[in-house]
Amino acid sequence: MDKMNKVVYVYLVFEKKDYFFGSIAAIYDHLSAEQVGAGYHTLWNVRWKETSVILRPGLL
């Protein structure tokens, strides 16, 4: 395996749904800021801990 792909795992706590995205920006192509509980820049600043979703960056 030569190339690793980045993935951002999103779990909507209140909806109990899992999503996988290639970037934080891609989250907002499919989910609203209201669903996520935070805007794009907020996710970068709070490091994914103070929202109603669970985000886990990782590699595929």
Protein backbone atom coordinates (compact mmCIF):
# COMPACT_ATOMS: atom_id res chain seq x y z
CA MET A 1 0.00 0.00 0.00
CA ASP A 2 1.83 3.09 -1.25
CA LYS A 3 -0.70 5.85 -0.67
CA MET A 4 -2.73 6.59 2.46
CA ASN A 5 -5.98 8.52 2.13
CA LYS A 6 -7.19 10.93 4.78
CA VAL A 7 -10.66 10.38 6.24
CA VAL A 8 -12.73 12.38 8.72
CA TYR A 9 -15.23 10.28 10.65
CA VAL A 10 -18.35 12.15 11.80
CA TYR A 11 -20.83 10.72 14.29
CA LEU A 12 -23.98 12.77 14.88
CA VAL A 13 -24.65 12.12 18.55
CA PHE A 14 -28.34 13.05 18.64
CA GLU A 15 -29.21 11.39 15.32
CA LYS A 16 -26.95 8.36 15.95
CA LYS A 17 -25.62 8.43 12.37
CA ASP A 18 -22.11 7.82 11.02
CA TYR A 19 -20.53 9.64 8.07
CA PHE A 20 -17.09 9.53 6.46
CA PHE A 21 -15.58 12.48 4.56
CA GLY A 22 -12.30 13.28 2.85
CA SER A 23 -11.98 16.68 4.55
CA ILE A 24 -13.68 18.96 7.03
CA ALA A 25 -14.87 21.14 4.14
CA ALA A 26 -16.61 18.12 2.58
CA ILE A 27 -18.74 17.73 5.70
CA TYR A 28 -20.59 20.93 4.81
CA ASP A 29 -21.38 19.69 1.29
CA HIS A 30 -23.69 17.11 2.89
CA LEU A 31 -24.56 18.40 6.37
CA SER A 32 -25.61 21.82 7.59
CA ALA A 33 -23.79 23.73 10.32
CA GLU A 34 -26.92 23.25 12.45
CA GLN A 35 -26.69 19.46 12.10
CA VAL A 36 -22.99 19.49 12.91
CA GLY A 37 -23.43 21.95 15.75
CA ALA A 38 -20.55 24.15 14.58
CA GLY A 39 -19.33 26.03 11.54
CA TYR A 40 -16.30 25.13 9.45
CA HIS A 41 -13.85 27.47 11.21
CA THR A 42 -15.14 26.49 14.63
CA LEU A 43 -14.26 22.84 13.99
CA TRP A 44 -10.69 23.83 13.21
CA ASN A 45 -10.45 25.99 16.33
CA VAL A 46 -12.04 23.71 18.95
CA ARG A 47 -10.38 20.53 17.68
CA TRP A 48 -13.70 18.62 17.50
CA LYS A 49 -14.47 18.33 21.20
CA GLU A 50 -17.12 20.94 22.01
CA THR A 51 -19.79 20.08 19.43
CA SER A 52 -22.72 17.70 19.23
CA VAL A 53 -20.78 15.47 16.83
CA ILE A 54 -17.77 13.22 17.20
CA LEU A 55 -15.09 13.81 14.57
CA ARG A 56 -12.08 11.55 14.26
CA PRO A 57 -9.47 12.28 11.63
CA GLY A 58 -7.56 9.24 10.47
CA LEU A 59 -6.07 7.39 7.51
CA LEU A 60 -7.57 4.80 5.20
